[in-house]
Amino acid sequence: MGKENIKLFGIPIVFLLLGILFLILGANGDSIAVNFSRPPGATSWTTSGSTADAFTSVLMIIGISFQILFISTFSISFYLWQKGSR
């Protein structure tokens, strides 16, 4: 029974973990943008606000999309699990 549950709920759990990861990265989008916009060998540089906004919003949108995928696939898996346990 354990392997069936892992097979049934494996994909939703992966979507959940990816969604959480991207939401955490999106919350730290400003610092990620600063690291990506740094020119090689530079000691001083500026990062535009639009770059920081892009890193924040794109990662948050991806994270929310994975959370929506988690909800939908978990609902289907839970339905199939309940249907199979009768």
C-alpha atoms as a PDB file:
ATOM      1  CA  MET A   1       0.000   0.000   0.000  1.00  0.00           C
ATOM      2  CA  GLY A   2       2.908   2.387   0.681  1.00  0.00           C
ATOM      3  CA  LYS A   3       4.302   2.262  -2.865  1.00  0.00           C
ATOM      4  CA  GLU A   4       0.847   2.912  -4.294  1.00  0.00           C
ATOM      5  CA  ASN A   5       0.501   6.027  -2.145  1.00  0.00           C
ATOM      6  CA  ILE A   6       3.929   7.281  -3.180  1.00  0.00           C
ATOM      7  CA  LYS A   7       3.057   6.649  -6.823  1.00  0.00           C
ATOM      8  CA  LEU A   8      -0.306   8.377  -6.402  1.00  0.00           C
ATOM      9  CA  PHE A   9       0.837  11.393  -4.385  1.00  0.00           C
ATOM     10  CA  GLY A  10       4.402  11.752  -5.708  1.00  0.00           C
ATOM     11  CA  ILE A  11       3.733  14.308  -8.429  1.00  0.00           C
ATOM     12  CA  PRO A  12       1.574  16.588  -6.241  1.00  0.00           C
ATOM     13  CA  ILE A  13       4.259  16.600  -3.542  1.00  0.00           C
ATOM     14  CA  VAL A  14       6.900  17.555  -6.137  1.00  0.00           C
ATOM     15  CA  PHE A  15       4.672  20.429  -7.309  1.00  0.00           C
ATOM     16  CA  LEU A  16       4.244  21.552  -3.700  1.00  0.00           C
ATOM     17  CA  LEU A  17       7.981  21.566  -3.036  1.00  0.00           C
ATOM     18  CA  LEU A  18       8.762  23.367  -6.300  1.00  0.00           C
ATOM     19  CA  GLY A  19       6.094  25.956  -5.543  1.00  0.00           C
ATOM     20  CA  ILE A  20       7.518  26.604  -2.093  1.00  0.00           C
ATOM     21  CA  LEU A  21      11.043  26.847  -3.528  1.00  0.00           C
ATOM     22  CA  PHE A  22      10.046  29.381  -6.188  1.00  0.00           C
ATOM     23  CA  LEU A  23       8.043  31.435  -3.696  1.00  0.00           C
ATOM     24  CA  ILE A  24      11.062  31.632  -1.393  1.00  0.00           C
ATOM     25  CA  LEU A  25      13.292  32.603  -4.317  1.00  0.00           C
ATOM     26  CA  GLY A  26      10.736  35.191  -5.421  1.00  0.00           C
ATOM     27  CA  ALA A  27      10.669  36.703  -1.953  1.00  0.00           C
ATOM     28  CA  ASN A  28      14.442  37.158  -2.267  1.00  0.00           C
ATOM     29  CA  GLY A  29      14.222  38.444  -5.840  1.00  0.00           C
ATOM     30  CA  ASP A  30      16.032  41.699  -5.122  1.00  0.00           C
ATOM     31  CA  SER A  31      19.177  39.992  -3.868  1.00  0.00           C
ATOM     32  CA  ILE A  32      19.094  37.484  -6.722  1.00  0.00           C
ATOM     33  CA  ALA A  33      18.798  40.335  -9.235  1.00  0.00           C
ATOM     34  CA  VAL A  34      21.792  42.072  -7.678  1.00  0.00           C
ATOM     35  CA  ASN A  35      23.872  38.900  -8.015  1.00  0.00           C
ATOM     36  CA  PHE A  36      22.849  38.315 -11.638  1.00  0.00           C
ATOM     37  CA  SER A  37      23.380  41.928 -12.742  1.00  0.00           C
ATOM     38  CA  ARG A  38      26.912  42.193 -11.344  1.00  0.00           C
ATOM     39  CA  PRO A  39      29.466  42.553 -14.175  1.00  0.00           C
ATOM     40  CA  PRO A  40      32.551  40.351 -13.917  1.00  0.00           C
ATOM     41  CA  GLY A  41      35.321  42.041 -11.937  1.00  0.00           C
ATOM     42  CA  ALA A  42      33.207  45.028 -10.948  1.00  0.00           C
ATOM     43  CA  THR A  43      33.578  46.514  -7.487  1.00  0.00           C
ATOM     44  CA  SER A  44      30.649  48.916  -7.793  1.00  0.00           C
ATOM     45  CA  TRP A  45      27.444  48.626  -9.844  1.00  0.00           C
ATOM     46  CA  THR A  46      23.766  49.473  -9.750  1.00  0.00           C
ATOM     47  CA  THR A  47      20.780  47.281 -10.409  1.00  0.00           C
ATOM     48  CA  SER A  48      17.707  48.812 -11.994  1.00  0.00           C
ATOM     49  CA  GLY A  49      14.397  48.580 -10.225  1.00  0.00           C
ATOM     50  CA  SER A  50      12.799  46.870 -13.190  1.00  0.00           C
ATOM     51  CA  THR A  51      15.345  44.061 -13.007  1.00  0.00           C
ATOM     52  CA  ALA A  52      14.608  43.510  -9.334  1.00  0.00           C
ATOM     53  CA  ASP A  53      10.861  43.641 -10.014  1.00  0.00           C
ATOM     54  CA  ALA A  54      11.226  41.125 -12.851  1.00  0.00           C
ATOM     55  CA  PHE A  55      13.161  38.668 -10.695  1.00  0.00           C
ATOM     56  CA  THR A  56      10.583  39.022  -7.941  1.00  0.00           C
ATOM     57  CA  SER A  57       7.399  38.851  -9.997  1.00  0.00           C
ATOM     58  CA  VAL A  58       8.431  36.117 -12.451  1.00  0.00           C
ATOM     59  CA  LEU A  59       9.594  33.785  -9.691  1.00  0.00           C
ATOM     60  CA  MET A  60       6.442  34.480  -7.665  1.00  0.00           C
ATOM     61  CA  ILE A  61       4.212  33.761 -10.684  1.00  0.00           C
ATOM     62  CA  ILE A  62       6.024  30.466 -11.286  1.00  0.00           C
ATOM     63  CA  GLY A  63       5.670  29.573  -7.602  1.00  0.00           C
ATOM     64  CA  ILE A  64       1.956  30.357  -7.550  1.00  0.00           C
ATOM     65  CA  SER A  65       1.501  28.310 -10.736  1.00  0.00           C
ATOM     66  CA  PHE A  66       3.153  25.316  -9.088  1.00  0.00           C
ATOM     67  CA  GLN A  67       0.897  25.760  -6.055  1.00  0.00           C
ATOM     68  CA  ILE A  68      -2.175  25.734  -8.317  1.00  0.00           C
ATOM     69  CA  LEU A  69      -0.839  22.600 -10.026  1.00  0.00           C
ATOM     70  CA  PHE A  70      -0.364  21.045  -6.579  1.00  0.00           C
ATOM     71  CA  ILE A  71      -3.968  21.756  -5.596  1.00  0.00           C
ATOM     72  CA  SER A  72      -5.400  20.335  -8.810  1.00  0.00           C
ATOM     73  CA  THR A  73      -3.222  17.213  -8.964  1.00  0.00           C
ATOM     74  CA  PHE A  74      -3.632  16.544  -5.242  1.00  0.00           C
ATOM     75  CA  SER A  75      -7.413  16.772  -5.606  1.00  0.00           C
ATOM     76  CA  ILE A  76      -7.364  14.221  -8.407  1.00  0.00           C
ATOM     77  CA  SER A  77      -4.987  11.932  -6.507  1.00  0.00           C
ATOM     78  CA  PHE A  78      -7.067  12.177  -3.348  1.00  0.00           C
ATOM     79  CA  TYR A  79     -10.227  11.336  -5.301  1.00  0.00           C
ATOM     80  CA  LEU A  80      -8.566   8.287  -6.860  1.00  0.00           C
ATOM     81  CA  TRP A  81      -7.223   7.228  -3.452  1.00  0.00           C
ATOM     82  CA  GLN A  82     -10.686   7.482  -1.882  1.00  0.00           C
ATOM     83  CA  LYS A  83     -12.269   5.659  -4.806  1.00  0.00           C
ATOM     84  CA  GLY A  84      -9.718   2.824  -4.561  1.00  0.00           C
ATOM     85  CA  SER A  85     -10.099   2.337  -0.811  1.00  0.00           C
ATOM     86  CA  ARG A  86     -13.754   1.228  -1.050  1.00  0.00           C
END
